Amino acid sequence: MHGRHSATSLASEANQLIGDYAFTSFDMPINVKTKEIVDKVNEYVEQVNTKAGLILLVDMGSLEKMYTEIKSNVHGDLLILNNVSTTLALQLALHLSKINQ
């Protein structure tokens, strides 16, 4: 998400509300180029198991266009959801936690 702490705040609140660790955050200060965040996400993707897929929640614009630059590093499906909100994140986290039970 764009903003110094926007993603961290949203992920933290959603994780706390569901009582589980569902989200990792990537903050993107307004003056950072999209390539920098793509590089950070790709570093993360290389360190985790993505066989079950990966869902990226983004807030706007350039971040939704990361698909082609990340997909080759994901071993499962890749879904990018734009216009993320706390409600969307919470609903997704609750749904995923039910699947993983």
C-alpha atoms as a PDB file:
ATOM      1  CA  MET A   1       0.000   0.000   0.000  1.00  0.00           C
ATOM      2  CA  HIS A   2       1.038   3.558  -0.592  1.00  0.00           C
ATOM      3  CA  GLY A   3       1.954   5.431   2.566  1.00  0.00           C
ATOM      4  CA  ARG A   4       4.633   5.086   5.208  1.00  0.00           C
ATOM      5  CA  HIS A   5       2.707   2.700   7.472  1.00  0.00           C
ATOM      6  CA  SER A   6      -0.596   2.034   5.705  1.00  0.00           C
ATOM      7  CA  ALA A   7       0.031  -1.616   4.846  1.00  0.00           C
ATOM      8  CA  THR A   8       1.633  -2.338   8.205  1.00  0.00           C
ATOM      9  CA  SER A   9      -1.330  -0.839  10.035  1.00  0.00           C
ATOM     10  CA  LEU A  10      -3.949  -2.658   7.973  1.00  0.00           C
ATOM     11  CA  ALA A  11      -2.164  -6.015   8.173  1.00  0.00           C
ATOM     12  CA  SER A  12      -1.605  -5.652  11.894  1.00  0.00           C
ATOM     13  CA  GLU A  13      -5.245  -4.820  12.599  1.00  0.00           C
ATOM     14  CA  ALA A  14      -6.579  -7.653  10.419  1.00  0.00           C
ATOM     15  CA  ASN A  15      -4.141 -10.167  11.939  1.00  0.00           C
ATOM     16  CA  GLN A  16      -5.102  -9.038  15.435  1.00  0.00           C
ATOM     17  CA  LEU A  17      -8.843  -9.128  14.757  1.00  0.00           C
ATOM     18  CA  ILE A  18      -8.771 -12.707  13.466  1.00  0.00           C
ATOM     19  CA  GLY A  19      -6.243 -13.820  16.077  1.00  0.00           C
ATOM     20  CA  ASP A  20      -3.929 -15.300  13.454  1.00  0.00           C
ATOM     21  CA  TYR A  21      -1.136 -14.284  11.109  1.00  0.00           C
ATOM     22  CA  ALA A  22      -2.730 -13.876   7.679  1.00  0.00           C
ATOM     23  CA  PHE A  23      -0.914 -10.898   6.178  1.00  0.00           C
ATOM     24  CA  THR A  24       2.608  -9.671   5.607  1.00  0.00           C
ATOM     25  CA  SER A  25       2.827  -5.975   4.806  1.00  0.00           C
ATOM     26  CA  PHE A  26       4.792  -3.968   2.270  1.00  0.00           C
ATOM     27  CA  ASP A  27       4.630  -0.224   2.793  1.00  0.00           C
ATOM     28  CA  MET A  28       5.327   1.949  -0.221  1.00  0.00           C
ATOM     29  CA  PRO A  29       6.130   5.567   0.565  1.00  0.00           C
ATOM     30  CA  ILE A  30       4.758   7.851  -2.152  1.00  0.00           C
ATOM     31  CA  ASN A  31       8.247   8.710  -3.443  1.00  0.00           C
ATOM     32  CA  VAL A  32       9.327   5.059  -3.933  1.00  0.00           C
ATOM     33  CA  LYS A  33       9.288   3.614  -7.431  1.00  0.00           C
ATOM     34  CA  THR A  34       7.084   0.610  -8.130  1.00  0.00           C
ATOM     35  CA  LYS A  35      10.184  -1.413  -9.093  1.00  0.00           C
ATOM     36  CA  GLU A  36      11.425  -1.178  -5.500  1.00  0.00           C
ATOM     37  CA  ILE A  37       8.234  -2.671  -4.102  1.00  0.00           C
ATOM     38  CA  VAL A  38       8.216  -5.348  -6.839  1.00  0.00           C
ATOM     39  CA  ASP A  39      11.756  -6.281  -5.797  1.00  0.00           C
ATOM     40  CA  LYS A  40      10.675  -6.512  -2.128  1.00  0.00           C
ATOM     41  CA  VAL A  41       7.685  -8.666  -2.991  1.00  0.00           C
ATOM     42  CA  ASN A  42       9.817 -10.936  -5.174  1.00  0.00           C
ATOM     43  CA  GLU A  43      12.341 -11.348  -2.343  1.00  0.00           C
ATOM     44  CA  TYR A  44       9.477 -12.346  -0.058  1.00  0.00           C
ATOM     45  CA  VAL A  45       8.011 -14.748  -2.644  1.00  0.00           C
ATOM     46  CA  GLU A  46      11.353 -16.518  -2.962  1.00  0.00           C
ATOM     47  CA  GLN A  47      11.370 -17.184   0.812  1.00  0.00           C
ATOM     48  CA  VAL A  48       7.851 -18.609   1.220  1.00  0.00           C
ATOM     49  CA  ASN A  49       5.958 -21.583  -0.167  1.00  0.00           C
ATOM     50  CA  THR A  50       3.589 -20.326  -2.849  1.00  0.00           C
ATOM     51  CA  LYS A  51       2.369 -23.676  -4.183  1.00  0.00           C
ATOM     52  CA  ALA A  52      -1.100 -22.944  -2.811  1.00  0.00           C
ATOM     53  CA  GLY A  53      -1.002 -19.534  -4.484  1.00  0.00           C
ATOM     54  CA  LEU A  54      -0.531 -15.953  -3.392  1.00  0.00           C
ATOM     55  CA  ILE A  55      -3.012 -13.133  -2.942  1.00  0.00           C
ATOM     56  CA  LEU A  56      -1.724  -9.564  -3.010  1.00  0.00           C
ATOM     57  CA  LEU A  57      -3.928  -6.776  -1.698  1.00  0.00           C
ATOM     58  CA  VAL A  58      -3.066  -3.392  -3.191  1.00  0.00           C
ATOM     59  CA  ASP A  59      -4.515   0.035  -2.713  1.00  0.00           C
ATOM     60  CA  MET A  60      -4.261   1.632  -6.151  1.00  0.00           C
ATOM     61  CA  GLY A  61      -2.568   2.403  -9.395  1.00  0.00           C
ATOM     62  CA  SER A  62       0.873   1.117 -10.174  1.00  0.00           C
ATOM     63  CA  LEU A  63       0.741  -1.698  -7.628  1.00  0.00           C
ATOM     64  CA  GLU A  64      -2.025  -3.519  -9.470  1.00  0.00           C
ATOM     65  CA  LYS A  65       0.265  -3.755 -12.504  1.00  0.00           C
ATOM     66  CA  MET A  66       2.857  -5.928 -10.699  1.00  0.00           C
ATOM     67  CA  TYR A  67       1.334  -9.221 -11.872  1.00  0.00           C
ATOM     68  CA  THR A  68       3.681  -9.887 -14.787  1.00  0.00           C
ATOM     69  CA  GLU A  69       6.758  -8.989 -12.753  1.00  0.00           C
ATOM     70  CA  ILE A  70       5.848 -11.335  -9.890  1.00  0.00           C
ATOM     71  CA  LYS A  71       3.945 -14.235 -11.486  1.00  0.00           C
ATOM     72  CA  SER A  72       7.026 -16.096 -12.709  1.00  0.00           C
ATOM     73  CA  ASN A  73       8.241 -16.361  -9.079  1.00  0.00           C
ATOM     74  CA  VAL A  74       4.962 -17.732  -7.718  1.00  0.00           C
ATOM     75  CA  HIS A  75       4.527 -21.512  -7.980  1.00  0.00           C
ATOM     76  CA  GLY A  76       0.740 -21.439  -7.649  1.00  0.00           C
ATOM     77  CA  ASP A  77      -1.929 -18.983  -8.729  1.00  0.00           C
ATOM     78  CA  LEU A  78      -1.429 -15.257  -8.239  1.00  0.00           C
ATOM     79  CA  LEU A  79      -4.359 -12.969  -7.511  1.00  0.00           C
ATOM     80  CA  ILE A  80      -4.042  -9.214  -7.093  1.00  0.00           C
ATOM     81  CA  LEU A  81      -6.993  -7.424  -5.501  1.00  0.00           C
ATOM     82  CA  ASN A  82      -7.114  -3.661  -5.960  1.00  0.00           C
ATOM     83  CA  ASN A  83      -8.738  -0.979  -3.782  1.00  0.00           C
ATOM     84  CA  VAL A  84      -8.086  -2.851  -0.559  1.00  0.00           C
ATOM     85  CA  SER A  85      -9.927  -1.800   2.569  1.00  0.00           C
ATOM     86  CA  THR A  86      -9.910  -3.031   6.137  1.00  0.00           C
ATOM     87  CA  THR A  87     -13.233  -4.755   5.498  1.00  0.00           C
ATOM     88  CA  LEU A  88     -11.904  -6.577   2.437  1.00  0.00           C
ATOM     89  CA  ALA A  89      -8.742  -7.648   4.253  1.00  0.00           C
ATOM     90  CA  LEU A  90     -10.700  -8.864   7.256  1.00  0.00           C
ATOM     91  CA  GLN A  91     -13.195 -10.830   5.143  1.00  0.00           C
ATOM     92  CA  LEU A  92     -10.387 -12.444   3.163  1.00  0.00           C
ATOM     93  CA  ALA A  93      -8.417 -13.300   6.313  1.00  0.00           C
ATOM     94  CA  LEU A  94     -11.481 -14.892   7.917  1.00  0.00           C
ATOM     95  CA  HIS A  95     -12.195 -16.896   4.798  1.00  0.00           C
ATOM     96  CA  LEU A  96      -8.597 -18.097   4.519  1.00  0.00           C
ATOM     97  CA  SER A  97      -8.467 -19.050   8.190  1.00  0.00           C
ATOM     98  CA  LYS A  98     -11.575 -21.247   7.705  1.00  0.00           C
ATOM     99  CA  ILE A  99      -9.956 -22.956   4.720  1.00  0.00           C
ATOM    100  CA  ASN A 100      -6.789 -23.661   6.710  1.00  0.00           C
ATOM    101  CA  GLN A 101      -8.626 -25.256   9.669  1.00  0.00           C
END
